[in-house]
Amino acid sequence: MSPRPIRRFSEMLGLLSRGRFEEKCDEHLTHAIETLEALPGEKGAATLTVTITLNFESGRLDVKPAVKSKLPEDKGFSGTPFWTYEGGLSVQHPSQIDMFGPRAAEPRDRDTA
């Protein structure tokens, strides 16, 4: 009995590296989804790239797979606007200080300890 030829791409994917490549693709997909769901702005994009390299020599075809992810970058913290006031920082715009007087920053519990 002769072996059955594989003609479907999806069937070949499951056989690459004895199924480990498909598992690695699943891991990349899961990580991308988790990263996107955790974005603070609830908006972003991720790219998963699967590369299949085929090398043929004397009737033998070597199939080498690769997967990589491009995830949104962590933008860190957003900027906080401060203005300078009498040699220090103020959270109030200088033109508004005259209206109410300077607003003192309240120390947090961790700042007083």
PDB file of N, CA and C in Angstrom:
ATOM      1  N   MET A   1       0.844  -1.169   0.000  1.00  0.00           N
ATOM      2  CA  MET A   1       0.000   0.000   0.000  1.00  0.00           C
ATOM      3  C   MET A   1       0.898   1.244   0.000  1.00  0.00           C
ATOM      4  N   SER A   2       0.609   2.166  -0.883  1.00  0.00           N
ATOM      5  CA  SER A   2       1.445   3.372  -0.986  1.00  0.00           C
ATOM      6  C   SER A   2       0.916   4.457  -0.057  1.00  0.00           C
ATOM      7  N   PRO A   3       1.808   5.347   0.388  1.00  0.00           N
ATOM      8  CA  PRO A   3       1.373   6.422   1.289  1.00  0.00           C
ATOM      9  C   PRO A   3       0.457   7.400   0.555  1.00  0.00           C
ATOM     10  N   ARG A   4      -0.473   7.970   1.313  1.00  0.00           N
ATOM     11  CA  ARG A   4      -1.418   8.938   0.770  1.00  0.00           C
ATOM     12  C   ARG A   4      -0.732  10.295   0.660  1.00  0.00           C
ATOM     13  N   PRO A   5      -0.770  10.928  -0.510  1.00  0.00           N
ATOM     14  CA  PRO A   5      -0.124  12.239  -0.636  1.00  0.00           C
ATOM     15  C   PRO A   5      -0.887  13.319   0.143  1.00  0.00           C
ATOM     16  N   ILE A   6      -0.135  14.216   0.705  1.00  0.00           N
ATOM     17  CA  ILE A   6      -0.723  15.349   1.443  1.00  0.00           C
ATOM     18  C   ILE A   6      -0.873  16.496   0.455  1.00  0.00           C
ATOM     19  N   ARG A   7      -2.091  16.977   0.292  1.00  0.00           N
ATOM     20  CA  ARG A   7      -2.354  18.046  -0.662  1.00  0.00           C
ATOM     21  C   ARG A   7      -2.984  19.281  -0.017  1.00  0.00           C
ATOM     22  N   ARG A   8      -3.260  19.212   1.260  1.00  0.00           N
ATOM     23  CA  ARG A   8      -3.898  20.330   1.952  1.00  0.00           C
ATOM     24  C   ARG A   8      -2.890  20.995   2.890  1.00  0.00           C
ATOM     25  N   PHE A   9      -2.824  22.329   2.800  1.00  0.00           N
ATOM     26  CA  PHE A   9      -1.892  23.107   3.610  1.00  0.00           C
ATOM     27  C   PHE A   9      -2.159  22.892   5.099  1.00  0.00           C
ATOM     28  N   SER A  10      -3.431  22.919   5.490  1.00  0.00           N
ATOM     29  CA  SER A  10      -3.773  22.773   6.905  1.00  0.00           C
ATOM     30  C   SER A  10      -3.358  21.408   7.449  1.00  0.00           C
ATOM     31  N   GLU A  11      -3.413  20.385   6.629  1.00  0.00           N
ATOM     32  CA  GLU A  11      -2.985  19.054   7.053  1.00  0.00           C
ATOM     33  C   GLU A  11      -1.463  19.011   7.247  1.00  0.00           C
ATOM     34  N   MET A  12      -0.734  19.690   6.356  1.00  0.00           N
ATOM     35  CA  MET A  12       0.720  19.755   6.471  1.00  0.00           C
ATOM     36  C   MET A  12       1.125  20.490   7.753  1.00  0.00           C
ATOM     37  N   LEU A  13       0.425  21.584   8.084  1.00  0.00           N
ATOM     38  CA  LEU A  13       0.756  22.367   9.278  1.00  0.00           C
ATOM     39  C   LEU A  13       0.718  21.510  10.537  1.00  0.00           C
ATOM     40  N   GLY A  14      -0.262  20.651  10.644  1.00  0.00           N
ATOM     41  CA  GLY A  14      -0.389  19.792  11.816  1.00  0.00           C
ATOM     42  C   GLY A  14       0.736  18.786  11.955  1.00  0.00           C
ATOM     43  N   LEU A  15       1.423  18.496  10.863  1.00  0.00           N
ATOM     44  CA  LEU A  15       2.511  17.511  10.884  1.00  0.00           C
ATOM     45  C   LEU A  15       3.883  18.139  11.111  1.00  0.00           C
ATOM     46  N   LEU A  16       3.997  19.450  10.937  1.00  0.00           N
ATOM     47  CA  LEU A  16       5.303  20.102  11.058  1.00  0.00           C
ATOM     48  C   LEU A  16       5.852  19.983  12.475  1.00  0.00           C
ATOM     49  N   SER A  17       7.085  19.574  12.574  1.00  0.00           N
ATOM     50  CA  SER A  17       7.779  19.379  13.859  1.00  0.00           C
ATOM     51  C   SER A  17       6.944  18.534  14.819  1.00  0.00           C
ATOM     52  N   ARG A  18       6.288  17.548  14.257  1.00  0.00           N
ATOM     53  CA  ARG A  18       5.462  16.597  15.029  1.00  0.00           C
ATOM     54  C   ARG A  18       4.375  17.291  15.849  1.00  0.00           C
ATOM     55  N   GLY A  19       3.800  18.338  15.266  1.00  0.00           N
ATOM     56  CA  GLY A  19       2.694  19.052  15.913  1.00  0.00           C
ATOM     57  C   GLY A  19       3.129  20.204  16.798  1.00  0.00           C
ATOM     58  N   ARG A  20       4.415  20.294  17.082  1.00  0.00           N
ATOM     59  CA  ARG A  20       4.898  21.367  17.967  1.00  0.00           C
ATOM     60  C   ARG A  20       4.783  22.743  17.318  1.00  0.00           C
ATOM     61  N   PHE A  21       4.911  22.816  15.983  1.00  0.00           N
ATOM     62  CA  PHE A  21       4.794  24.118  15.319  1.00  0.00           C
ATOM     63  C   PHE A  21       3.373  24.662  15.467  1.00  0.00           C
ATOM     64  N   GLU A  22       2.401  23.815  15.297  1.00  0.00           N
ATOM     65  CA  GLU A  22       1.006  24.243  15.456  1.00  0.00           C
ATOM     66  C   GLU A  22       0.750  24.709  16.893  1.00  0.00           C
ATOM     67  N   GLU A  23       1.312  24.021  17.873  1.00  0.00           N
ATOM     68  CA  GLU A  23       1.197  24.435  19.271  1.00  0.00           C
ATOM     69  C   GLU A  23       1.835  25.804  19.494  1.00  0.00           C
ATOM     70  N   LYS A  24       2.995  26.037  18.861  1.00  0.00           N
ATOM     71  CA  LYS A  24       3.679  27.323  18.989  1.00  0.00           C
ATOM     72  C   LYS A  24       2.830  28.436  18.367  1.00  0.00           C
ATOM     73  N   CYS A  25       2.186  28.168  17.250  1.00  0.00           N
ATOM     74  CA  CYS A  25       1.276  29.147  16.627  1.00  0.00           C
ATOM     75  C   CYS A  25       0.105  29.456  17.564  1.00  0.00           C
ATOM     76  N   ASP A  26      -0.427  28.441  18.215  1.00  0.00           N
ATOM     77  CA  ASP A  26      -1.516  28.635  19.175  1.00  0.00           C
ATOM     78  C   ASP A  26      -1.055  29.520  20.335  1.00  0.00           C
ATOM     79  N   GLU A  27       0.174  29.303  20.812  1.00  0.00           N
ATOM     80  CA  GLU A  27       0.721  30.117  21.898  1.00  0.00           C
ATOM     81  C   GLU A  27       0.834  31.587  21.468  1.00  0.00           C
ATOM     82  N   HIS A  28       1.336  31.822  20.268  1.00  0.00           N
ATOM     83  CA  HIS A  28       1.457  33.196  19.764  1.00  0.00           C
ATOM     84  C   HIS A  28       0.081  33.858  19.659  1.00  0.00           C
ATOM     85  N   LEU A  29      -0.897  33.108  19.183  1.00  0.00           N
ATOM     86  CA  LEU A  29      -2.255  33.649  19.055  1.00  0.00           C
ATOM     87  C   LEU A  29      -2.835  33.988  20.425  1.00  0.00           C
ATOM     88  N   THR A  30      -2.684  33.088  21.373  1.00  0.00           N
ATOM     89  CA  THR A  30      -3.196  33.323  22.723  1.00  0.00           C
ATOM     90  C   THR A  30      -2.543  34.543  23.352  1.00  0.00           C
ATOM     91  N   HIS A  31      -1.216  34.658  23.220  1.00  0.00           N
ATOM     92  CA  HIS A  31      -0.483  35.792  23.790  1.00  0.00           C
ATOM     93  C   HIS A  31      -0.924  37.108  23.128  1.00  0.00           C
ATOM     94  N   ALA A  32      -1.134  37.091  21.822  1.00  0.00           N
ATOM     95  CA  ALA A  32      -1.580  38.298  21.112  1.00  0.00           C
ATOM     96  C   ALA A  32      -2.955  38.733  21.605  1.00  0.00           C
ATOM     97  N   ILE A  33      -3.865  37.795  21.768  1.00  0.00           N
ATOM     98  CA  ILE A  33      -5.220  38.120  22.237  1.00  0.00           C
ATOM     99  C   ILE A  33      -5.160  38.681  23.655  1.00  0.00           C
ATOM    100  N   GLU A  34      -4.383  38.047  24.538  1.00  0.00           N
ATOM    101  CA  GLU A  34      -4.261  38.532  25.917  1.00  0.00           C
ATOM    102  C   GLU A  34      -3.676  39.939  25.956  1.00  0.00           C
ATOM    103  N   THR A  35      -2.667  40.190  25.127  1.00  0.00           N
ATOM    104  CA  THR A  35      -2.040  41.510  25.075  1.00  0.00           C
ATOM    105  C   THR A  35      -3.036  42.557  24.594  1.00  0.00           C
ATOM    106  N   LEU A  36      -3.793  42.247  23.557  1.00  0.00           N
ATOM    107  CA  LEU A  36      -4.774  43.193  23.028  1.00  0.00           C
ATOM    108  C   LEU A  36      -5.891  43.471  24.032  1.00  0.00           C
ATOM    109  N   GLU A  37      -6.349  42.451  24.722  1.00  0.00           N
ATOM    110  CA  GLU A  37      -7.409  42.639  25.710  1.00  0.00           C
ATOM    111  C   GLU A  37      -6.943  43.477  26.896  1.00  0.00           C
ATOM    112  N   ALA A  38      -5.635  43.478  27.179  1.00  0.00           N
ATOM    113  CA  ALA A  38      -5.104  44.212  28.328  1.00  0.00           C
ATOM    114  C   ALA A  38      -4.727  45.658  27.994  1.00  0.00           C
ATOM    115  N   LEU A  39      -4.899  46.075  26.748  1.00  0.00           N
ATOM    116  CA  LEU A  39      -4.541  47.445  26.384  1.00  0.00           C
ATOM    117  C   LEU A  39      -5.421  48.443  27.125  1.00  0.00           C
ATOM    118  N   PRO A  40      -4.824  49.494  27.683  1.00  0.00           N
ATOM    119  CA  PRO A  40      -5.616  50.460  28.445  1.00  0.00           C
ATOM    120  C   PRO A  40      -6.633  51.211  27.595  1.00  0.00           C
ATOM    121  N   GLY A  41      -6.342  51.460  26.336  1.00  0.00           N
ATOM    122  CA  GLY A  41      -7.268  52.197  25.477  1.00  0.00           C
ATOM    123  C   GLY A  41      -8.271  51.312  24.772  1.00  0.00           C
ATOM    124  N   GLU A  42      -8.227  50.005  25.029  1.00  0.00           N
ATOM    125  CA  GLU A  42      -9.105  49.025  24.404  1.00  0.00           C
ATOM    126  C   GLU A  42      -9.080  49.112  22.882  1.00  0.00           C
ATOM    127  N   LYS A  43      -7.912  49.436  22.337  1.00  0.00           N
ATOM    128  CA  LYS A  43      -7.760  49.516  20.896  1.00  0.00           C
ATOM    129  C   LYS A  43      -6.309  49.230  20.563  1.00  0.00           C
ATOM    130  N   GLY A  44      -6.063  48.413  19.536  1.00  0.00           N
ATOM    131  CA  GLY A  44      -4.697  48.103  19.147  1.00  0.00           C
ATOM    132  C   GLY A  44      -4.688  47.079  18.035  1.00  0.00           C
ATOM    133  N   ALA A  45      -3.503  46.708  17.591  1.00  0.00           N
ATOM    134  CA  ALA A  45      -3.354  45.730  16.516  1.00  0.00           C
ATOM    135  C   ALA A  45      -2.147  44.846  16.795  1.00  0.00           C
ATOM    136  N   ALA A  46      -2.265  43.608  16.383  1.00  0.00           N
ATOM    137  CA  ALA A  46      -1.167  42.654  16.479  1.00  0.00           C
ATOM    138  C   ALA A  46      -1.057  41.938  15.143  1.00  0.00           C
ATOM    139  N   THR A  47       0.143  41.475  14.822  1.00  0.00           N
ATOM    140  CA  THR A  47       0.362  40.749  13.579  1.00  0.00           C
ATOM    141  C   THR A  47       1.072  39.441  13.893  1.00  0.00           C
ATOM    142  N   LEU A  48       0.520  38.352  13.398  1.00  0.00           N
ATOM    143  CA  LEU A  48       1.179  37.054  13.483  1.00  0.00           C
ATOM    144  C   LEU A  48       1.637  36.699  12.073  1.00  0.00           C
ATOM    145  N   THR A  49       2.905  36.361  11.931  1.00  0.00           N
ATOM    146  CA  THR A  49       3.453  36.024  10.625  1.00  0.00           C
ATOM    147  C   THR A  49       3.949  34.587  10.651  1.00  0.00           C
ATOM    148  N   VAL A  50       3.419  33.787   9.755  1.00  0.00           N
ATOM    149  CA  VAL A  50       3.843  32.403   9.600  1.00  0.00           C
ATOM    150  C   VAL A  50       4.609  32.313   8.282  1.00  0.00           C
ATOM    151  N   THR A  51       5.835  31.790   8.352  1.00  0.00           N
ATOM    152  CA  THR A  51       6.661  31.626   7.161  1.00  0.00           C
ATOM    153  C   THR A  51       6.955  30.146   6.981  1.00  0.00           C
ATOM    154  N   ILE A  52       6.707  29.665   5.788  1.00  0.00           N
ATOM    155  CA  ILE A  52       7.008  28.279   5.442  1.00  0.00           C
ATOM    156  C   ILE A  52       8.053  28.310   4.337  1.00  0.00           C
ATOM    157  N   THR A  53       9.243  27.780   4.628  1.00  0.00           N
ATOM    158  CA  THR A  53      10.317  27.724   3.642  1.00  0.00           C
ATOM    159  C   THR A  53      10.413  26.301   3.104  1.00  0.00           C
ATOM    160  N   LEU A  54      10.396  26.192   1.783  1.00  0.00           N
ATOM    161  CA  LEU A  54      10.485  24.892   1.123  1.00  0.00           C
ATOM    162  C   LEU A  54      11.833  24.777   0.428  1.00  0.00           C
ATOM    163  N   ASN A  55      12.610  23.764   0.784  1.00  0.00           N
ATOM    164  CA  ASN A  55      13.895  23.487   0.137  1.00  0.00           C
ATOM    165  C   ASN A  55      13.806  22.127  -0.540  1.00  0.00           C
ATOM    166  N   PHE A  56      14.056  22.108  -1.840  1.00  0.00           N
ATOM    167  CA  PHE A  56      13.942  20.876  -2.624  1.00  0.00           C
ATOM    168  C   PHE A  56      15.303  20.470  -3.153  1.00  0.00           C
ATOM    169  N   GLU A  57      15.623  19.183  -2.986  1.00  0.00           N
ATOM    170  CA  GLU A  57      16.868  18.648  -3.546  1.00  0.00           C
ATOM    171  C   GLU A  57      16.703  17.157  -3.800  1.00  0.00           C
ATOM    172  N   SER A  58      16.886  16.762  -5.032  1.00  0.00           N
ATOM    173  CA  SER A  58      16.874  15.345  -5.440  1.00  0.00           C
ATOM    174  C   SER A  58      15.636  14.605  -4.956  1.00  0.00           C
ATOM    175  N   GLY A  59      14.473  15.189  -5.117  1.00  0.00           N
ATOM    176  CA  GLY A  59      13.227  14.530  -4.751  1.00  0.00           C
ATOM    177  C   GLY A  59      12.828  14.692  -3.290  1.00  0.00           C
ATOM    178  N   ARG A  60      13.677  15.274  -2.477  1.00  0.00           N
ATOM    179  CA  ARG A  60      13.359  15.490  -1.052  1.00  0.00           C
ATOM    180  C   ARG A  60      12.976  16.944  -0.850  1.00  0.00           C
ATOM    181  N   LEU A  61      11.903  17.151  -0.132  1.00  0.00           N
ATOM    182  CA  LEU A  61      11.414  18.503   0.158  1.00  0.00           C
ATOM    183  C   LEU A  61      11.481  18.719   1.669  1.00  0.00           C
ATOM    184  N   ASP A  62      12.328  19.647   2.086  1.00  0.00           N
ATOM    185  CA  ASP A  62      12.425  19.997   3.503  1.00  0.00           C
ATOM    186  C   ASP A  62      11.545  21.222   3.735  1.00  0.00           C
ATOM    187  N   VAL A  63      10.655  21.117   4.714  1.00  0.00           N
ATOM    188  CA  VAL A  63       9.723  22.197   5.045  1.00  0.00           C
ATOM    189  C   VAL A  63      10.143  22.761   6.398  1.00  0.00           C
ATOM    190  N   LYS A  64      10.509  24.050   6.396  1.00  0.00           N
ATOM    191  CA  LYS A  64      10.948  24.694   7.634  1.00  0.00           C
ATOM    192  C   LYS A  64       9.961  25.810   7.979  1.00  0.00           C
ATOM    193  N   PRO A  65       9.254  25.665   9.107  1.00  0.00           N
ATOM    194  CA  PRO A  65       8.283  26.678   9.506  1.00  0.00           C
ATOM    195  C   PRO A  65       8.879  27.690  10.478  1.00  0.00           C
ATOM    196  N   ALA A  66       8.282  28.861  10.526  1.00  0.00           N
ATOM    197  CA  ALA A  66       8.647  29.886  11.509  1.00  0.00           C
ATOM    198  C   ALA A  66       7.406  30.712  11.806  1.00  0.00           C
ATOM    199  N   VAL A  67       7.297  31.191  13.043  1.00  0.00           N
ATOM    200  CA  VAL A  67       6.192  32.062  13.433  1.00  0.00           C
ATOM    201  C   VAL A  67       6.767  33.199  14.263  1.00  0.00           C
ATOM    202  N   LYS A  68       6.249  34.402  14.050  1.00  0.00           N
ATOM    203  CA  LYS A  68       6.654  35.533  14.882  1.00  0.00           C
ATOM    204  C   LYS A  68       5.456  36.439  15.091  1.00  0.00           C
ATOM    205  N   SER A  69       5.519  37.188  16.179  1.00  0.00           N
ATOM    206  CA  SER A  69       4.427  38.088  16.560  1.00  0.00           C
ATOM    207  C   SER A  69       4.937  39.513  16.617  1.00  0.00           C
ATOM    208  N   LYS A  70       4.092  40.425  16.209  1.00  0.00           N
ATOM    209  CA  LYS A  70       4.355  41.851  16.418  1.00  0.00           C
ATOM    210  C   LYS A  70       3.178  42.366  17.230  1.00  0.00           C
ATOM    211  N   LEU A  71       3.457  42.663  18.493  1.00  0.00           N
ATOM    212  CA  LEU A  71       2.410  43.082  19.418  1.00  0.00           C
ATOM    213  C   LEU A  71       2.501  44.584  19.652  1.00  0.00           C
ATOM    214  N   PRO A  72       1.405  45.184  20.094  1.00  0.00           N
ATOM    215  CA  PRO A  72       1.463  46.622  20.393  1.00  0.00           C
ATOM    216  C   PRO A  72       2.471  46.892  21.493  1.00  0.00           C
ATOM    217  N   GLU A  73       3.188  47.985  21.358  1.00  0.00           N
ATOM    218  CA  GLU A  73       4.172  48.348  22.364  1.00  0.00           C
ATOM    219  C   GLU A  73       3.482  48.944  23.575  1.00  0.00           C
ATOM    220  N   ASP A  74       4.064  48.669  24.738  1.00  0.00           N
ATOM    221  CA  ASP A  74       3.573  49.269  25.967  1.00  0.00           C
ATOM    222  C   ASP A  74       4.013  50.727  25.959  1.00  0.00           C
ATOM    223  N   LYS A  75       3.067  51.611  25.925  1.00  0.00           N
ATOM    224  CA  LYS A  75       3.386  53.034  25.838  1.00  0.00           C
ATOM    225  C   LYS A  75       3.721  53.626  27.194  1.00  0.00           C
ATOM    226  N   GLY A  76       3.676  52.820  28.218  1.00  0.00           N
ATOM    227  CA  GLY A  76       4.028  53.307  29.548  1.00  0.00           C
ATOM    228  C   GLY A  76       2.971  54.245  30.091  1.00  0.00           C
ATOM    229  N   PHE A  77       3.418  55.231  30.810  1.00  0.00           N
ATOM    230  CA  PHE A  77       2.505  56.163  31.444  1.00  0.00           C
ATOM    231  C   PHE A  77       2.277  57.361  30.538  1.00  0.00           C
ATOM    232  N   SER A  78       1.101  57.930  30.647  1.00  0.00           N
ATOM    233  CA  SER A  78       0.831  59.147  29.886  1.00  0.00           C
ATOM    234  C   SER A  78       1.498  60.324  30.589  1.00  0.00           C
ATOM    235  N   GLY A  79       1.703  61.401  29.854  1.00  0.00           N
ATOM    236  CA  GLY A  79       2.335  62.582  30.420  1.00  0.00           C
ATOM    237  C   GLY A  79       1.405  63.304  31.377  1.00  0.00           C
ATOM    238  N   THR A  80       1.969  63.938  32.378  1.00  0.00           N
ATOM    239  CA  THR A  80       1.212  64.738  33.343  1.00  0.00           C
ATOM    240  C   THR A  80       1.691  66.176  33.210  1.00  0.00           C
ATOM    241  N   PRO A  81       0.783  67.113  32.927  1.00  0.00           N
ATOM    242  CA  PRO A  81       1.213  68.496  32.752  1.00  0.00           C
ATOM    243  C   PRO A  81       1.482  69.184  34.095  1.00  0.00           C
ATOM    244  N   PHE A  82       2.615  69.825  34.188  1.00  0.00           N
ATOM    245  CA  PHE A  82       2.984  70.662  35.328  1.00  0.00           C
ATOM    246  C   PHE A  82       3.411  72.019  34.780  1.00  0.00           C
ATOM    247  N   TRP A  83       3.319  73.020  35.604  1.00  0.00           N
ATOM    248  CA  TRP A  83       3.845  74.338  35.280  1.00  0.00           C
ATOM    249  C   TRP A  83       4.797  74.724  36.401  1.00  0.00           C
ATOM    250  N   THR A  84       5.737  75.567  36.072  1.00  0.00           N
ATOM    251  CA  THR A  84       6.655  76.026  37.112  1.00  0.00           C
ATOM    252  C   THR A  84       6.018  77.187  37.858  1.00  0.00           C
ATOM    253  N   TYR A  85       6.252  77.192  39.181  1.00  0.00           N
ATOM    254  CA  TYR A  85       5.688  78.253  40.026  1.00  0.00           C
ATOM    255  C   TYR A  85       6.645  78.496  41.182  1.00  0.00           C
ATOM    256  N   GLU A  86       7.188  79.658  41.260  1.00  0.00           N
ATOM    257  CA  GLU A  86       8.095  80.075  42.339  1.00  0.00           C
ATOM    258  C   GLU A  86       9.210  79.041  42.571  1.00  0.00           C
ATOM    259  N   GLY A  87       9.815  78.599  41.499  1.00  0.00           N
ATOM    260  CA  GLY A  87      10.934  77.668  41.604  1.00  0.00           C
ATOM    261  C   GLY A  87      10.531  76.223  41.843  1.00  0.00           C
ATOM    262  N   GLY A  88       9.238  75.919  41.786  1.00  0.00           N
ATOM    263  CA  GLY A  88       8.767  74.545  41.996  1.00  0.00           C
ATOM    264  C   GLY A  88       7.787  74.151  40.914  1.00  0.00           C
ATOM    265  N   LEU A  89       7.041  73.113  41.160  1.00  0.00           N
ATOM    266  CA  LEU A  89       6.039  72.628  40.221  1.00  0.00           C
ATOM    267  C   LEU A  89       4.650  72.949  40.725  1.00  0.00           C
ATOM    268  N   SER A  90       3.747  73.176  39.782  1.00  0.00           N
ATOM    269  CA  SER A  90       2.347  73.411  40.120  1.00  0.00           C
ATOM    270  C   SER A  90       1.483  72.650  39.134  1.00  0.00           C
ATOM    271  N   VAL A  91       0.346  72.167  39.606  1.00  0.00           N
ATOM    272  CA  VAL A  91      -0.591  71.497  38.710  1.00  0.00           C
ATOM    273  C   VAL A  91      -1.603  72.487  38.143  1.00  0.00           C
ATOM    274  N   GLN A  92      -1.520  73.736  38.540  1.00  0.00           N
ATOM    275  CA  GLN A  92      -2.407  74.768  38.026  1.00  0.00           C
ATOM    276  C   GLN A  92      -1.673  75.627  37.008  1.00  0.00           C
ATOM    277  N   HIS A  93      -2.395  76.037  35.993  1.00  0.00           N
ATOM    278  CA  HIS A  93      -1.836  76.932  34.984  1.00  0.00           C
ATOM    279  C   HIS A  93      -1.518  78.266  35.656  1.00  0.00           C
ATOM    280  N   PRO A  94      -0.401  78.896  35.345  1.00  0.00           N
ATOM    281  CA  PRO A  94      -0.001  80.142  36.010  1.00  0.00           C
ATOM    282  C   PRO A  94      -1.051  81.248  35.925  1.00  0.00           C
ATOM    283  N   SER A  95      -1.796  81.319  34.859  1.00  0.00           N
ATOM    284  CA  SER A  95      -2.799  82.388  34.758  1.00  0.00           C
ATOM    285  C   SER A  95      -4.013  82.119  35.637  1.00  0.00           C
ATOM    286  N   GLN A  96      -4.183  80.910  36.130  1.00  0.00           N
ATOM    287  CA  GLN A  96      -5.321  80.590  36.989  1.00  0.00           C
ATOM    288  C   GLN A  96      -4.965  80.681  38.472  1.00  0.00           C
ATOM    289  N   ILE A  97      -3.705  80.816  38.806  1.00  0.00           N
ATOM    290  CA  ILE A  97      -3.278  80.867  40.199  1.00  0.00           C
ATOM    291  C   ILE A  97      -3.836  82.109  40.885  1.00  0.00           C
ATOM    292  N   ASP A  98      -3.869  83.245  40.192  1.00  0.00           N
ATOM    293  CA  ASP A  98      -4.361  84.485  40.785  1.00  0.00           C
ATOM    294  C   ASP A  98      -5.829  84.390  41.175  1.00  0.00           C
ATOM    295  N   MET A  99      -6.594  83.569  40.482  1.00  0.00           N
ATOM    296  CA  MET A  99      -8.030  83.476  40.752  1.00  0.00           C
ATOM    297  C   MET A  99      -8.312  82.830  42.110  1.00  0.00           C
ATOM    298  N   PHE A 100      -7.586  81.787  42.440  1.00  0.00           N
ATOM    299  CA  PHE A 100      -7.888  81.012  43.640  1.00  0.00           C
ATOM    300  C   PHE A 100      -6.694  80.881  44.583  1.00  0.00           C
ATOM    301  N   GLY A 101      -5.560  81.402  44.208  1.00  0.00           N
ATOM    302  CA  GLY A 101      -4.341  81.197  44.982  1.00  0.00           C
ATOM    303  C   GLY A 101      -3.722  79.871  44.585  1.00  0.00           C
ATOM    304  N   PRO A 102      -2.457  79.645  44.894  1.00  0.00           N
ATOM    305  CA  PRO A 102      -1.818  78.388  44.498  1.00  0.00           C
ATOM    306  C   PRO A 102      -2.424  77.202  45.249  1.00  0.00           C
ATOM    307  N   ARG A 103      -2.579  76.113  44.544  1.00  0.00           N
ATOM    308  CA  ARG A 103      -3.116  74.896  45.135  1.00  0.00           C
ATOM    309  C   ARG A 103      -1.958  74.023  45.567  1.00  0.00           C
ATOM    310  N   ALA A 104      -1.927  73.669  46.825  1.00  0.00           N
ATOM    311  CA  ALA A 104      -0.853  72.827  47.355  1.00  0.00           C
ATOM    312  C   ALA A 104      -1.125  71.376  47.012  1.00  0.00           C
ATOM    313  N   ALA A 105      -0.079  70.680  46.668  1.00  0.00           N
ATOM    314  CA  ALA A 105      -0.211  69.245  46.422  1.00  0.00           C
ATOM    315  C   ALA A 105      -0.383  68.548  47.747  1.00  0.00           C
ATOM    316  N   GLU A 106      -1.363  67.672  47.848  1.00  0.00           N
ATOM    317  CA  GLU A 106      -1.641  66.926  49.075  1.00  0.00           C
ATOM    318  C   GLU A 106      -0.709  65.725  49.146  1.00  0.00           C
ATOM    319  N   PRO A 107       0.054  65.542  50.219  1.00  0.00           N
ATOM    320  CA  PRO A 107       0.930  64.364  50.312  1.00  0.00           C
ATOM    321  C   PRO A 107       0.097  63.096  50.487  1.00  0.00           C
ATOM    322  N   ARG A 108       0.542  62.043  49.873  1.00  0.00           N
ATOM    323  CA  ARG A 108      -0.119  60.746  50.026  1.00  0.00           C
ATOM    324  C   ARG A 108       0.392  60.077  51.285  1.00  0.00           C
ATOM    325  N   ASP A 109      -0.325  59.079  51.742  1.00  0.00           N
ATOM    326  CA  ASP A 109       0.078  58.348  52.963  1.00  0.00           C
ATOM    327  C   ASP A 109       1.507  57.821  52.845  1.00  0.00           C
ATOM    328  N   ARG A 110       1.871  57.321  51.678  1.00  0.00           N
ATOM    329  CA  ARG A 110       3.211  56.753  51.513  1.00  0.00           C
ATOM    330  C   ARG A 110       4.274  57.841  51.561  1.00  0.00           C
ATOM    331  N   ASP A 111       3.910  59.108  51.226  1.00  0.00           N
ATOM    332  CA  ASP A 111       4.870  60.198  51.258  1.00  0.00           C
ATOM    333  C   ASP A 111       5.171  60.636  52.684  1.00  0.00           C
ATOM    334  N   THR A 112       4.239  60.440  53.616  1.00  0.00           N
ATOM    335  CA  THR A 112       4.420  60.889  55.003  1.00  0.00           C
ATOM    336  C   THR A 112       5.100  59.849  55.868  1.00  0.00           C
ATOM    337  N   ALA A 113       5.145  58.609  55.393  1.00  0.00           N
ATOM    338  CA  ALA A 113       5.747  57.508  56.183  1.00  0.00           C
ATOM    339  C   ALA A 113       7.248  57.533  56.129  1.00  0.00           C
TER     340      ALA A 113
END
